[in-house]
Every structure is written in structure tokens, then in C-alpha cells.
Amino acid sequence: MLQSIGLPGLIMILVVVLIIFGPSKLPELGRAVGRTLHEFKSSAKELVAETKDDVIEKQEVAK
């Protein structure tokens, strides 16, 4: 069963990340995560658009 992490879990994760990467690397790490999420969202939108175009194309051919 999927359970929520909650506030204590998030604090624990942030402490571990801080220990592993140190405070000087956190901004760089945040930017990298942000860029990765942006690229993922862009790719997902493109994939959905291509799939919709393919469906429309197949519908037009079937007519």
C-alpha cells in the first residue's frame, strides 16, 4: 500500500541530502533536478501531441 512520506520523512530526506552533498552543492543540485523535470515534462508533452496526431491521422484515413 502506498503511504504518504509526511513531514518527518521529508525532513529526514533533506538532512541526508545535506550530509551527502553539503550546503555548497545544494543550489547546483536543485538546478539540475529542475532542468531534468523540465526536460521530462517537455518530452511527455511532445509524446502526447505525437500520439494525438497519429490518432487523428488514423481516423482520417479510416473515413
PDB file of N, CA and C in Angstrom:
ATOM      1  N   MET A   1       0.824  -1.180   0.000  1.00  0.00           N
ATOM      2  CA  MET A   1       0.000   0.000   0.000  1.00  0.00           C
ATOM      3  C   MET A   1       0.876   1.255   0.000  1.00  0.00           C
ATOM      4  N   LEU A   2       0.510   2.227  -0.816  1.00  0.00           N
ATOM      5  CA  LEU A   2       1.279   3.462  -0.913  1.00  0.00           C
ATOM      6  C   LEU A   2       0.902   4.397   0.225  1.00  0.00           C
ATOM      7  N   GLN A   3       1.906   4.864   0.958  1.00  0.00           N
ATOM      8  CA  GLN A   3       1.654   5.767   2.077  1.00  0.00           C
ATOM      9  C   GLN A   3       2.395   7.075   1.850  1.00  0.00           C
ATOM     10  N   SER A   4       1.874   8.125   2.429  1.00  0.00           N
ATOM     11  CA  SER A   4       2.483   9.437   2.308  1.00  0.00           C
ATOM     12  C   SER A   4       3.773   9.492   3.134  1.00  0.00           C
ATOM     13  N   ILE A   5       4.753  10.223   2.630  1.00  0.00           N
ATOM     14  CA  ILE A   5       6.024  10.360   3.340  1.00  0.00           C
ATOM     15  C   ILE A   5       5.828  11.191   4.601  1.00  0.00           C
ATOM     16  N   GLY A   6       5.111  12.274   4.510  1.00  0.00           N
ATOM     17  CA  GLY A   6       4.859  13.123   5.663  1.00  0.00           C
ATOM     18  C   GLY A   6       6.014  14.063   5.952  1.00  0.00           C
ATOM     19  N   LEU A   7       5.797  14.963   6.881  1.00  0.00           N
ATOM     20  CA  LEU A   7       6.789  15.972   7.237  1.00  0.00           C
ATOM     21  C   LEU A   7       8.051  15.358   7.861  1.00  0.00           C
ATOM     22  N   PRO A   8       7.947  14.425   8.790  1.00  0.00           N
ATOM     23  CA  PRO A   8       9.179  13.846   9.350  1.00  0.00           C
ATOM     24  C   PRO A   8      10.041  13.138   8.298  1.00  0.00           C
ATOM     25  N   GLY A   9       9.389  12.472   7.353  1.00  0.00           N
ATOM     26  CA  GLY A   9      10.128  11.805   6.277  1.00  0.00           C
ATOM     27  C   GLY A   9      10.850  12.786   5.379  1.00  0.00           C
ATOM     28  N   LEU A  10      10.170  13.886   5.049  1.00  0.00           N
ATOM     29  CA  LEU A  10      10.801  14.910   4.215  1.00  0.00           C
ATOM     30  C   LEU A  10      11.996  15.544   4.915  1.00  0.00           C
ATOM     31  N   ILE A  11      11.854  15.818   6.210  1.00  0.00           N
ATOM     32  CA  ILE A  11      12.964  16.394   6.973  1.00  0.00           C
ATOM     33  C   ILE A  11      14.146  15.433   6.991  1.00  0.00           C
ATOM     34  N   MET A  12      13.870  14.149   7.175  1.00  0.00           N
ATOM     35  CA  MET A  12      14.931  13.142   7.188  1.00  0.00           C
ATOM     36  C   MET A  12      15.639  13.084   5.832  1.00  0.00           C
ATOM     37  N   ILE A  13      14.879  13.129   4.754  1.00  0.00           N
ATOM     38  CA  ILE A  13      15.477  13.108   3.412  1.00  0.00           C
ATOM     39  C   ILE A  13      16.341  14.340   3.195  1.00  0.00           C
ATOM     40  N   LEU A  14      15.850  15.511   3.581  1.00  0.00           N
ATOM     41  CA  LEU A  14      16.633  16.737   3.421  1.00  0.00           C
ATOM     42  C   LEU A  14      17.924  16.701   4.227  1.00  0.00           C
ATOM     43  N   VAL A  15      17.882  16.159   5.444  1.00  0.00           N
ATOM     44  CA  VAL A  15      19.088  16.045   6.274  1.00  0.00           C
ATOM     45  C   VAL A  15      20.104  15.122   5.611  1.00  0.00           C
ATOM     46  N   VAL A  16      19.630  13.995   5.092  1.00  0.00           N
ATOM     47  CA  VAL A  16      20.541  13.040   4.430  1.00  0.00           C
ATOM     48  C   VAL A  16      21.169  13.679   3.195  1.00  0.00           C
ATOM     49  N   VAL A  17      20.355  14.378   2.391  1.00  0.00           N
ATOM     50  CA  VAL A  17      20.878  15.047   1.192  1.00  0.00           C
ATOM     51  C   VAL A  17      21.900  16.107   1.590  1.00  0.00           C
ATOM     52  N   LEU A  18      21.617  16.845   2.634  1.00  0.00           N
ATOM     53  CA  LEU A  18      22.547  17.873   3.110  1.00  0.00           C
ATOM     54  C   LEU A  18      23.861  17.254   3.559  1.00  0.00           C
ATOM     55  N   ILE A  19      23.803  16.132   4.250  1.00  0.00           N
ATOM     56  CA  ILE A  19      25.023  15.448   4.706  1.00  0.00           C
ATOM     57  C   ILE A  19      25.821  14.917   3.517  1.00  0.00           C
ATOM     58  N   ILE A  20      25.130  14.327   2.553  1.00  0.00           N
ATOM     59  CA  ILE A  20      25.825  13.718   1.409  1.00  0.00           C
ATOM     60  C   ILE A  20      26.455  14.774   0.502  1.00  0.00           C
ATOM     61  N   PHE A  21      25.697  15.805   0.133  1.00  0.00           N
ATOM     62  CA  PHE A  21      26.174  16.770  -0.856  1.00  0.00           C
ATOM     63  C   PHE A  21      26.783  18.026  -0.251  1.00  0.00           C
ATOM     64  N   GLY A  22      26.448  18.352   0.964  1.00  0.00           N
ATOM     65  CA  GLY A  22      26.972  19.568   1.580  1.00  0.00           C
ATOM     66  C   GLY A  22      26.190  20.790   1.146  1.00  0.00           C
ATOM     67  N   PRO A  23      26.257  21.840   1.929  1.00  0.00           N
ATOM     68  CA  PRO A  23      25.453  23.028   1.625  1.00  0.00           C
ATOM     69  C   PRO A  23      25.881  23.766   0.357  1.00  0.00           C
ATOM     70  N   SER A  24      27.130  23.643  -0.041  1.00  0.00           N
ATOM     71  CA  SER A  24      27.579  24.368  -1.231  1.00  0.00           C
ATOM     72  C   SER A  24      27.064  23.742  -2.525  1.00  0.00           C
ATOM     73  N   LYS A  25      26.746  22.456  -2.520  1.00  0.00           N
ATOM     74  CA  LYS A  25      26.282  21.774  -3.730  1.00  0.00           C
ATOM     75  C   LYS A  25      24.765  21.787  -3.884  1.00  0.00           C
ATOM     76  N   LEU A  26      24.028  22.171  -2.833  1.00  0.00           N
ATOM     77  CA  LEU A  26      22.571  22.111  -2.898  1.00  0.00           C
ATOM     78  C   LEU A  26      21.968  22.986  -3.997  1.00  0.00           C
ATOM     79  N   PRO A  27      22.400  24.234  -4.198  1.00  0.00           N
ATOM     80  CA  PRO A  27      21.810  25.018  -5.298  1.00  0.00           C
ATOM     81  C   PRO A  27      22.048  24.379  -6.668  1.00  0.00           C
ATOM     82  N   GLU A  28      23.248  23.856  -6.861  1.00  0.00           N
ATOM     83  CA  GLU A  28      23.563  23.194  -8.128  1.00  0.00           C
ATOM     84  C   GLU A  28      22.691  21.950  -8.316  1.00  0.00           C
ATOM     85  N   LEU A  29      22.516  21.197  -7.260  1.00  0.00           N
ATOM     86  CA  LEU A  29      21.686  20.001  -7.306  1.00  0.00           C
ATOM     87  C   LEU A  29      20.233  20.373  -7.600  1.00  0.00           C
ATOM     88  N   GLY A  30      19.747  21.426  -6.984  1.00  0.00           N
ATOM     89  CA  GLY A  30      18.377  21.888  -7.228  1.00  0.00           C
ATOM     90  C   GLY A  30      18.167  22.304  -8.676  1.00  0.00           C
ATOM     91  N   ARG A  31      19.129  23.015  -9.240  1.00  0.00           N
ATOM     92  CA  ARG A  31      19.031  23.418 -10.646  1.00  0.00           C
ATOM     93  C   ARG A  31      19.017  22.192 -11.551  1.00  0.00           C
ATOM     94  N   ALA A  32      19.847  21.218 -11.262  1.00  0.00           N
ATOM     95  CA  ALA A  32      19.899  20.006 -12.079  1.00  0.00           C
ATOM     96  C   ALA A  32      18.565  19.253 -12.020  1.00  0.00           C
ATOM     97  N   VAL A  33      17.987  19.168 -10.841  1.00  0.00           N
ATOM     98  CA  VAL A  33      16.690  18.493 -10.703  1.00  0.00           C
ATOM     99  C   VAL A  33      15.623  19.272 -11.462  1.00  0.00           C
ATOM    100  N   GLY A  34      15.650  20.591 -11.369  1.00  0.00           N
ATOM    101  CA  GLY A  34      14.688  21.422 -12.085  1.00  0.00           C
ATOM    102  C   GLY A  34      14.794  21.262 -13.588  1.00  0.00           C
ATOM    103  N   ARG A  35      16.016  21.260 -14.105  1.00  0.00           N
ATOM    104  CA  ARG A  35      16.219  21.068 -15.551  1.00  0.00           C
ATOM    105  C   ARG A  35      15.723  19.692 -15.989  1.00  0.00           C
ATOM    106  N   THR A  36      16.006  18.685 -15.179  1.00  0.00           N
ATOM    107  CA  THR A  36      15.580  17.327 -15.511  1.00  0.00           C
ATOM    108  C   THR A  36      14.061  17.235 -15.560  1.00  0.00           C
ATOM    109  N   LEU A  37      13.383  17.823 -14.583  1.00  0.00           N
ATOM    110  CA  LEU A  37      11.918  17.800 -14.578  1.00  0.00           C
ATOM    111  C   LEU A  37      11.357  18.562 -15.774  1.00  0.00           C
ATOM    112  N   HIS A  38      11.975  19.682 -16.114  1.00  0.00           N
ATOM    113  CA  HIS A  38      11.530  20.465 -17.264  1.00  0.00           C
ATOM    114  C   HIS A  38      11.661  19.649 -18.553  1.00  0.00           C
ATOM    115  N   GLU A  39      12.794  18.997 -18.739  1.00  0.00           N
ATOM    116  CA  GLU A  39      13.004  18.169 -19.928  1.00  0.00           C
ATOM    117  C   GLU A  39      12.014  17.010 -19.975  1.00  0.00           C
ATOM    118  N   PHE A  40      11.763  16.396 -18.824  1.00  0.00           N
ATOM    119  CA  PHE A  40      10.817  15.284 -18.775  1.00  0.00           C
ATOM    120  C   PHE A  40       9.415  15.743 -19.169  1.00  0.00           C
ATOM    121  N   LYS A  41       8.988  16.887 -18.638  1.00  0.00           N
ATOM    122  CA  LYS A  41       7.664  17.410 -18.965  1.00  0.00           C
ATOM    123  C   LYS A  41       7.568  17.752 -20.451  1.00  0.00           C
ATOM    124  N   SER A  42       8.609  18.354 -20.983  1.00  0.00           N
ATOM    125  CA  SER A  42       8.611  18.704 -22.414  1.00  0.00           C
ATOM    126  C   SER A  42       8.515  17.455 -23.279  1.00  0.00           C
ATOM    127  N   SER A  43       9.275  16.443 -22.937  1.00  0.00           N
ATOM    128  CA  SER A  43       9.248  15.192 -23.693  1.00  0.00           C
ATOM    129  C   SER A  43       7.886  14.523 -23.597  1.00  0.00           C
ATOM    130  N   ALA A  44       7.301  14.544 -22.419  1.00  0.00           N
ATOM    131  CA  ALA A  44       5.985  13.938 -22.239  1.00  0.00           C
ATOM    132  C   ALA A  44       4.931  14.670 -23.070  1.00  0.00           C
ATOM    133  N   LYS A  45       4.996  16.001 -23.095  1.00  0.00           N
ATOM    134  CA  LYS A  45       4.042  16.780 -23.892  1.00  0.00           C
ATOM    135  C   LYS A  45       4.202  16.473 -25.379  1.00  0.00           C
ATOM    136  N   GLU A  46       5.438  16.369 -25.838  1.00  0.00           N
ATOM    137  CA  GLU A  46       5.688  16.044 -27.243  1.00  0.00           C
ATOM    138  C   GLU A  46       5.146  14.659 -27.582  1.00  0.00           C
ATOM    139  N   LEU A  47       5.353  13.716 -26.700  1.00  0.00           N
ATOM    140  CA  LEU A  47       4.878  12.352 -26.928  1.00  0.00           C
ATOM    141  C   LEU A  47       3.359  12.316 -27.006  1.00  0.00           C
ATOM    142  N   VAL A  48       2.695  13.035 -26.109  1.00  0.00           N
ATOM    143  CA  VAL A  48       1.231  13.087 -26.119  1.00  0.00           C
ATOM    144  C   VAL A  48       0.742  13.745 -27.401  1.00  0.00           C
ATOM    145  N   ALA A  49       1.394  14.814 -27.822  1.00  0.00           N
ATOM    146  CA  ALA A  49       0.998  15.508 -29.048  1.00  0.00           C
ATOM    147  C   ALA A  49       1.175  14.592 -30.266  1.00  0.00           C
ATOM    148  N   GLU A  50       2.281  13.863 -30.326  1.00  0.00           N
ATOM    149  CA  GLU A  50       2.513  12.938 -31.435  1.00  0.00           C
ATOM    150  C   GLU A  50       1.471  11.833 -31.444  1.00  0.00           C
ATOM    151  N   THR A  51       1.120  11.329 -30.273  1.00  0.00           N
ATOM    152  CA  THR A  51       0.121  10.268 -30.187  1.00  0.00           C
ATOM    153  C   THR A  51      -1.235  10.779 -30.652  1.00  0.00           C
ATOM    154  N   LYS A  52      -1.606  12.001 -30.238  1.00  0.00           N
ATOM    155  CA  LYS A  52      -2.875  12.579 -30.679  1.00  0.00           C
ATOM    156  C   LYS A  52      -2.885  12.773 -32.190  1.00  0.00           C
ATOM    157  N   ASP A  53      -1.760  13.241 -32.745  1.00  0.00           N
ATOM    158  CA  ASP A  53      -1.662  13.428 -34.193  1.00  0.00           C
ATOM    159  C   ASP A  53      -1.825  12.096 -34.921  1.00  0.00           C
ATOM    160  N   ASP A  54      -1.219  11.034 -34.392  1.00  0.00           N
ATOM    161  CA  ASP A  54      -1.332   9.709 -35.003  1.00  0.00           C
ATOM    162  C   ASP A  54      -2.768   9.204 -34.970  1.00  0.00           C
ATOM    163  N   VAL A  55      -3.464   9.435 -33.862  1.00  0.00           N
ATOM    164  CA  VAL A  55      -4.855   9.002 -33.740  1.00  0.00           C
ATOM    165  C   VAL A  55      -5.725   9.755 -34.735  1.00  0.00           C
ATOM    166  N   ILE A  56      -5.531  11.060 -34.839  1.00  0.00           N
ATOM    167  CA  ILE A  56      -6.312  11.869 -35.775  1.00  0.00           C
ATOM    168  C   ILE A  56      -6.033  11.425 -37.199  1.00  0.00           C
ATOM    169  N   GLU A  57      -4.772  11.159 -37.501  1.00  0.00           N
ATOM    170  CA  GLU A  57      -4.386  10.714 -38.841  1.00  0.00           C
ATOM    171  C   GLU A  57      -5.057   9.388 -39.186  1.00  0.00           C
ATOM    172  N   LYS A  58      -5.079   8.457 -38.249  1.00  0.00           N
ATOM    173  CA  LYS A  58      -5.700   7.149 -38.484  1.00  0.00           C
ATOM    174  C   LYS A  58      -7.207   7.288 -38.663  1.00  0.00           C
ATOM    175  N   GLN A  59      -7.831   8.215 -37.938  1.00  0.00           N
ATOM    176  CA  GLN A  59      -9.258   8.439 -38.077  1.00  0.00           C
ATOM    177  C   GLN A  59      -9.579   9.007 -39.457  1.00  0.00           C
ATOM    178  N   GLU A  60      -8.725   9.901 -39.946  1.00  0.00           N
ATOM    179  CA  GLU A  60      -8.956  10.497 -41.265  1.00  0.00           C
ATOM    180  C   GLU A  60      -8.781   9.469 -42.368  1.00  0.00           C
ATOM    181  N   VAL A  61      -7.836   8.565 -42.211  1.00  0.00           N
ATOM    182  CA  VAL A  61      -7.593   7.527 -43.201  1.00  0.00           C
ATOM    183  C   VAL A  61      -8.754   6.537 -43.215  1.00  0.00           C
ATOM    184  N   ALA A  62      -9.322   6.271 -42.051  1.00  0.00           N
ATOM    185  CA  ALA A  62     -10.427   5.312 -41.949  1.00  0.00           C
ATOM    186  C   ALA A  62     -11.702   5.842 -42.583  1.00  0.00           C
ATOM    187  N   LYS A  63     -11.839   7.152 -42.747  1.00  0.00           N
ATOM    188  CA  LYS A  63     -13.063   7.726 -43.311  1.00  0.00           C
ATOM    189  C   LYS A  63     -13.150   7.528 -44.768  1.00  0.00           C
TER     190      LYS A  63
END
